[in-house]
């Protein structure tokens, strides 16, 4: 008389002191041992994916901070360039106005001497 065994154990002959209950409990243990990695693999991958996503978020936040810093540096560089150009423009205007004033003063002095 055979008891109902799981299909994976149907080829085992009945052993002395090894009942169908112990075989089914053994098959249950093997089934659970098989399921542990099957269930834990997605959980582990979820952990690593979330860790990877956190690292990517950190990388993006670092990249964003670097981009903002670079943007500020470029803005400062353009502001410095404008300031330098304004300084040059002011000096040039002072030079031109001073030169025109000097030429006018020399011309007026010459005209006064002629009269």
N, C-alpha and C. Protein backbone atom coordinates (compact mmCIF):
# COMPACT_ATOMS: atom_id res chain seq x y z
N UNK A 1 0.83 -1.17 0.00
CA UNK A 1 0.00 0.00 0.00
C UNK A 1 0.88 1.24 0.00
N UNK A 2 0.61 2.06 -0.95
CA UNK A 2 1.36 3.32 -1.06
C UNK A 2 0.52 4.46 -0.53
N UNK A 3 1.19 5.36 0.16
CA UNK A 3 0.52 6.58 0.57
C UNK A 3 0.78 7.63 -0.49
N UNK A 4 -0.05 8.67 -0.48
CA UNK A 4 0.10 9.72 -1.49
C UNK A 4 1.33 10.54 -1.17
N UNK A 5 2.29 10.51 -2.08
CA UNK A 5 3.52 11.28 -1.92
C UNK A 5 3.59 12.34 -3.01
N UNK A 6 4.33 13.38 -2.77
CA UNK A 6 4.53 14.36 -3.84
C UNK A 6 5.18 13.69 -5.03
N UNK A 7 4.96 14.21 -6.23
CA UNK A 7 5.48 13.55 -7.43
C UNK A 7 6.99 13.39 -7.42
N UNK A 8 7.70 14.32 -6.78
CA UNK A 8 9.16 14.21 -6.81
C UNK A 8 9.66 13.04 -5.97
N UNK A 9 8.84 12.53 -5.01
CA UNK A 9 9.27 11.42 -4.18
C UNK A 9 8.56 10.12 -4.51
N UNK A 10 7.84 10.07 -5.60
CA UNK A 10 7.05 8.87 -5.91
C UNK A 10 7.94 7.69 -6.29
N UNK A 11 9.18 7.93 -6.68
CA UNK A 11 10.05 6.82 -7.08
C UNK A 11 10.81 6.23 -5.91
N UNK A 12 10.72 6.85 -4.69
CA UNK A 12 11.42 6.29 -3.55
C UNK A 12 10.67 5.07 -3.03
N UNK A 13 11.37 4.00 -2.74
CA UNK A 13 10.69 2.85 -2.11
C UNK A 13 10.43 3.16 -0.65
N UNK A 14 9.42 2.53 -0.06
CA UNK A 14 9.17 2.77 1.37
C UNK A 14 10.35 2.28 2.20
N UNK A 15 10.82 3.10 3.12
CA UNK A 15 11.94 2.75 3.98
C UNK A 15 11.44 2.46 5.39
N UNK A 16 12.22 1.65 6.11
CA UNK A 16 11.85 1.29 7.47
C UNK A 16 11.94 2.53 8.36
N UNK A 17 10.87 2.91 9.00
CA UNK A 17 10.85 4.06 9.90
C UNK A 17 10.79 5.40 9.19
N UNK A 18 10.61 5.41 7.89
CA UNK A 18 10.56 6.65 7.11
C UNK A 18 9.17 6.74 6.51
N UNK A 19 8.29 7.41 7.16
CA UNK A 19 6.89 7.41 6.76
C UNK A 19 6.63 8.45 5.69
N UNK A 20 5.41 8.43 5.17
CA UNK A 20 5.00 9.39 4.15
C UNK A 20 4.97 10.79 4.74
N UNK A 21 4.65 10.89 6.03
CA UNK A 21 4.62 12.21 6.66
C UNK A 21 6.01 12.83 6.66
N UNK A 22 7.00 12.03 6.99
CA UNK A 22 8.36 12.59 7.03
C UNK A 22 8.82 12.94 5.62
N UNK A 23 8.40 12.15 4.62
CA UNK A 23 8.76 12.49 3.25
C UNK A 23 8.07 13.77 2.81
N UNK A 24 6.80 13.92 3.19
CA UNK A 24 6.11 15.13 2.79
C UNK A 24 6.67 16.33 3.54
N UNK A 25 7.05 16.14 4.80
CA UNK A 25 7.66 17.26 5.52
C UNK A 25 9.03 17.58 4.94
N UNK A 26 9.75 16.54 4.48
CA UNK A 26 11.03 16.78 3.82
C UNK A 26 10.81 17.52 2.51
N UNK A 27 9.77 17.13 1.77
CA UNK A 27 9.50 17.84 0.52
C UNK A 27 9.08 19.28 0.81
N UNK A 28 8.34 19.47 1.92
CA UNK A 28 7.96 20.83 2.29
C UNK A 28 9.19 21.66 2.64
N UNK A 29 10.12 21.05 3.37
CA UNK A 29 11.36 21.76 3.72
C UNK A 29 12.15 22.10 2.47
N UNK A 30 12.25 21.13 1.55
CA UNK A 30 12.95 21.41 0.30
C UNK A 30 12.24 22.50 -0.50
N UNK A 31 10.91 22.45 -0.49
CA UNK A 31 10.13 23.46 -1.21
C UNK A 31 10.36 24.84 -0.62
N UNK A 32 10.37 24.91 0.72
CA UNK A 32 10.61 26.19 1.39
C UNK A 32 12.04 26.66 1.11
N UNK A 33 13.00 25.72 1.15
CA UNK A 33 14.39 26.09 0.86
C UNK A 33 14.53 26.59 -0.58
N UNK A 34 13.70 26.05 -1.47
CA UNK A 34 13.72 26.53 -2.85
C UNK A 34 13.07 27.91 -2.95
N UNK A 35 12.00 28.11 -2.15
CA UNK A 35 11.28 29.38 -2.24
C UNK A 35 12.03 30.54 -1.60
N UNK A 36 12.86 30.27 -0.60
CA UNK A 36 13.57 31.37 0.08
C UNK A 36 14.37 32.20 -0.91
N UNK A 37 15.23 31.60 -1.75
CA UNK A 37 15.95 32.46 -2.70
C UNK A 37 15.04 33.07 -3.76
N UNK A 38 13.97 32.33 -4.11
CA UNK A 38 13.06 32.85 -5.13
C UNK A 38 12.35 34.10 -4.61
N UNK A 39 11.96 34.07 -3.34
CA UNK A 39 11.28 35.23 -2.76
C UNK A 39 12.27 36.32 -2.39
N UNK A 40 13.43 35.92 -1.87
CA UNK A 40 14.38 36.92 -1.39
C UNK A 40 15.11 37.62 -2.52
N UNK A 41 15.24 36.98 -3.68
CA UNK A 41 15.96 37.61 -4.79
C UNK A 41 15.31 38.92 -5.22
N UNK A 42 13.98 38.98 -5.42
CA UNK A 42 13.40 40.28 -5.77
C UNK A 42 13.55 41.32 -4.66
N UNK A 43 13.47 40.86 -3.40
CA UNK A 43 13.65 41.81 -2.30
C UNK A 43 15.06 42.37 -2.28
N UNK A 44 16.03 41.48 -2.49
CA UNK A 44 17.43 41.93 -2.55
C UNK A 44 17.62 42.87 -3.73
N UNK A 45 17.04 42.49 -4.87
CA UNK A 45 17.19 43.36 -6.04
C UNK A 45 16.48 44.69 -5.82
N UNK A 46 15.34 44.68 -5.10
CA UNK A 46 14.67 45.94 -4.77
C UNK A 46 15.56 46.79 -3.89
N UNK A 47 16.24 46.15 -2.93
CA UNK A 47 17.15 46.89 -2.06
C UNK A 47 18.27 47.51 -2.88
N UNK A 48 18.88 46.71 -3.78
CA UNK A 48 19.97 47.23 -4.59
C UNK A 48 19.49 48.28 -5.58
N UNK A 49 18.28 48.08 -6.12
CA UNK A 49 17.73 49.08 -7.05
C UNK A 49 17.47 50.38 -6.31
N UNK A 50 16.90 50.28 -5.10
CA UNK A 50 16.65 51.52 -4.35
C UNK A 50 17.97 52.17 -3.96
N UNK A 51 18.98 51.35 -3.62
CA UNK A 51 20.30 51.91 -3.32
C UNK A 51 20.88 52.57 -4.56
N UNK A 52 20.73 51.91 -5.70
CA UNK A 52 21.22 52.49 -6.96
C UNK A 52 20.47 53.77 -7.28
N UNK A 53 19.15 53.77 -7.06
CA UNK A 53 18.37 54.98 -7.31
C UNK A 53 18.81 56.11 -6.38
N UNK A 54 19.09 55.77 -5.11
CA UNK A 54 19.56 56.80 -4.19
C UNK A 54 20.91 57.34 -4.63
N UNK A 55 21.78 56.43 -5.11
CA UNK A 55 23.08 56.88 -5.59
C UNK A 55 22.91 57.76 -6.82
N UNK A 56 21.98 57.38 -7.71
CA UNK A 56 21.74 58.20 -8.90
C UNK A 56 21.18 59.56 -8.50
N UNK A 57 20.27 59.58 -7.51
CA UNK A 57 19.74 60.86 -7.04
C UNK A 57 20.86 61.70 -6.45
N UNK A 58 21.75 61.06 -5.70
CA UNK A 58 22.88 61.81 -5.13
C UNK A 58 23.78 62.33 -6.24
N UNK A 59 24.01 61.48 -7.27
CA UNK A 59 24.82 61.93 -8.40
C UNK A 59 24.16 63.09 -9.11
N UNK A 60 22.82 63.01 -9.30
CA UNK A 60 22.12 64.10 -9.97
C UNK A 60 22.14 65.37 -9.13
N UNK A 61 22.01 65.22 -7.81
CA UNK A 61 22.05 66.42 -6.97
C UNK A 61 23.44 67.02 -6.98
N UNK A 62 24.49 66.17 -6.98
CA UNK A 62 25.85 66.69 -7.10
C UNK A 62 26.06 67.37 -8.44
N UNK A 63 25.55 66.75 -9.50
CA UNK A 63 25.67 67.34 -10.83
C UNK A 63 24.92 68.67 -10.89
N UNK A 64 23.74 68.72 -10.27
CA UNK A 64 22.96 69.96 -10.25
C UNK A 64 23.72 71.04 -9.48
N UNK A 65 24.30 70.67 -8.35
CA UNK A 65 25.07 71.64 -7.56
C UNK A 65 26.28 72.14 -8.34
N UNK A 66 26.97 71.22 -9.03
CA UNK A 66 28.11 71.63 -9.84
C UNK A 66 27.67 72.53 -10.99
N UNK A 67 26.53 72.22 -11.58
CA UNK A 67 26.01 73.04 -12.68
C UNK A 67 25.66 74.44 -12.18
N UNK A 68 25.03 74.52 -11.02
CA UNK A 68 24.69 75.83 -10.45
C UNK A 68 25.96 76.61 -10.13
N UNK A 69 26.96 75.93 -9.57
CA UNK A 69 28.23 76.59 -9.27
C UNK A 69 28.90 77.10 -10.54
N UNK A 70 28.91 76.27 -11.58
CA UNK A 70 29.50 76.68 -12.85
C UNK A 70 28.73 77.84 -13.45
N UNK A 71 27.40 77.80 -13.35
CA UNK A 71 26.57 78.90 -13.84
C UNK A 71 26.92 80.20 -13.13
N UNK A 72 27.06 80.13 -11.81
CA UNK A 72 27.42 81.32 -11.03
C UNK A 72 28.80 81.84 -11.44
N UNK A 73 29.74 80.91 -11.67
CA UNK A 73 31.09 81.33 -12.09
C UNK A 73 31.04 82.03 -13.44
N UNK A 74 30.24 81.49 -14.37
CA UNK A 74 30.12 82.11 -15.70
C UNK A 74 29.47 83.48 -15.58
N UNK A 75 28.41 83.58 -14.75
CA UNK A 75 27.76 84.88 -14.55
C UNK A 75 28.74 85.88 -13.95
N UNK A 76 29.53 85.44 -12.98
CA UNK A 76 30.54 86.32 -12.37
C UNK A 76 31.58 86.72 -13.39
N UNK A 77 31.99 85.78 -14.24
CA UNK A 77 32.98 86.09 -15.27
C UNK A 77 32.45 87.14 -16.24
N UNK A 78 31.19 86.99 -16.67
CA UNK A 78 30.60 87.98 -17.58
C UNK A 78 30.43 89.33 -16.88
N UNK A 79 30.05 89.31 -15.60
CA UNK A 79 29.92 90.57 -14.85
C UNK A 79 31.27 91.25 -14.73
N UNK A 80 32.33 90.48 -14.45
CA UNK A 80 33.68 91.06 -14.39
C UNK A 80 34.09 91.62 -15.74
N UNK A 81 33.76 90.91 -16.81
CA UNK A 81 34.10 91.37 -18.16
C UNK A 81 33.39 92.69 -18.46
N UNK A 82 32.10 92.77 -18.12
CA UNK A 82 31.35 94.02 -18.34
C UNK A 82 31.96 95.16 -17.53
N UNK A 83 32.32 94.87 -16.29
CA UNK A 83 32.92 95.90 -15.44
C UNK A 83 34.23 96.39 -16.05
N UNK A 84 35.06 95.44 -16.51
CA UNK A 84 36.33 95.83 -17.14
C UNK A 84 36.08 96.67 -18.39
N UNK A 85 35.09 96.28 -19.19
CA UNK A 85 34.79 97.05 -20.41
C UNK A 85 34.29 98.45 -20.05
N UNK A 86 33.50 98.56 -19.00
CA UNK A 86 33.03 99.88 -18.57
C UNK A 86 34.19 100.74 -18.07
N UNK A 87 35.12 100.11 -17.36
CA UNK A 87 36.30 100.85 -16.89
C UNK A 87 37.11 101.34 -18.08
N UNK A 88 37.31 100.46 -19.07
CA UNK A 88 38.06 100.86 -20.28
C UNK A 88 37.31 101.97 -21.01
N UNK A 89 35.99 101.84 -21.12
CA UNK A 89 35.19 102.86 -21.80
C UNK A 89 35.30 104.20 -21.07
N UNK A 90 35.21 104.18 -19.74
CA UNK A 90 35.33 105.42 -18.97
C UNK A 90 36.71 106.06 -19.15
N UNK A 91 37.76 105.23 -19.12
CA UNK A 91 39.11 105.77 -19.31
C UNK A 91 39.26 106.36 -20.71
N UNK A 92 38.72 105.65 -21.71
CA UNK A 92 38.82 106.13 -23.10
C UNK A 92 38.07 107.45 -23.26
N UNK A 93 36.87 107.54 -22.67
CA UNK A 93 36.11 108.78 -22.77
C UNK A 93 36.84 109.92 -22.07
N UNK A 94 37.43 109.63 -20.92
CA UNK A 94 38.21 110.67 -20.23
C UNK A 94 39.40 111.10 -21.08
N UNK A 95 40.06 110.14 -21.71
CA UNK A 95 41.21 110.44 -22.56
C UNK A 95 40.78 111.28 -23.76
N UNK A 96 39.67 110.88 -24.42
CA UNK A 96 39.19 111.62 -25.60
C UNK A 96 38.76 113.03 -25.20
N UNK A 97 37.98 113.15 -24.14
CA UNK A 97 37.52 114.47 -23.71
C UNK A 97 38.71 115.33 -23.27
N UNK A 98 39.63 114.72 -22.56
CA UNK A 98 40.84 115.46 -22.16
C UNK A 98 41.67 115.88 -23.35
N UNK A 99 41.80 114.99 -24.33
CA UNK A 99 42.55 115.32 -25.56
C UNK A 99 41.89 116.44 -26.33
N UNK A 100 40.56 116.36 -26.47
CA UNK A 100 39.83 117.42 -27.19
C UNK A 100 39.96 118.74 -26.42
N UNK A 101 39.86 118.71 -25.11
CA UNK A 101 40.02 119.91 -24.30
C UNK A 101 41.41 120.50 -24.44
N UNK A 102 42.42 119.63 -24.47
CA UNK A 102 43.80 120.11 -24.62
C UNK A 102 44.00 120.74 -25.98
N UNK A 103 43.51 120.10 -27.03
CA UNK A 103 43.63 120.64 -28.39
C UNK A 103 42.88 121.97 -28.48
N UNK A 104 41.70 122.06 -27.88
CA UNK A 104 40.92 123.30 -27.90
C UNK A 104 41.66 124.41 -27.15
N UNK A 105 42.26 124.07 -26.00
CA UNK A 105 43.00 125.08 -25.23
C UNK A 105 44.21 125.58 -26.01
N UNK A 106 44.95 124.65 -26.65
CA UNK A 106 46.12 125.05 -27.45
C UNK A 106 45.67 125.90 -28.63
N UNK A 107 44.59 125.52 -29.29
CA UNK A 107 44.07 126.28 -30.44
C UNK A 107 43.62 127.68 -30.02
N UNK A 108 42.90 127.77 -28.92
CA UNK A 108 42.46 129.07 -28.44
C UNK A 108 43.66 129.94 -28.02
N UNK A 109 44.66 129.34 -27.42
CA UNK A 109 45.87 130.10 -27.05
C UNK A 109 46.58 130.58 -28.30
N UNK A 110 46.64 129.78 -29.32
CA UNK A 110 47.29 130.18 -30.58
C UNK A 110 46.51 131.31 -31.24
N UNK A 111 45.16 131.18 -31.26
CA UNK A 111 44.34 132.23 -31.85
C UNK A 111 44.47 133.55 -31.06
N UNK A 112 44.63 133.48 -29.78
CA UNK A 112 44.80 134.68 -28.97
C UNK A 112 46.14 135.34 -29.25
N UNK A 113 47.14 134.52 -29.49
CA UNK A 113 48.46 135.09 -29.80
C UNK A 113 48.46 135.76 -31.17
N UNK A 114 47.71 135.22 -32.09
CA UNK A 114 47.67 135.77 -33.45
C UNK A 114 46.98 137.14 -33.42
N UNK A 115 45.96 137.35 -32.69
CA UNK A 115 45.22 138.61 -32.71
C UNK A 115 46.02 139.66 -32.11
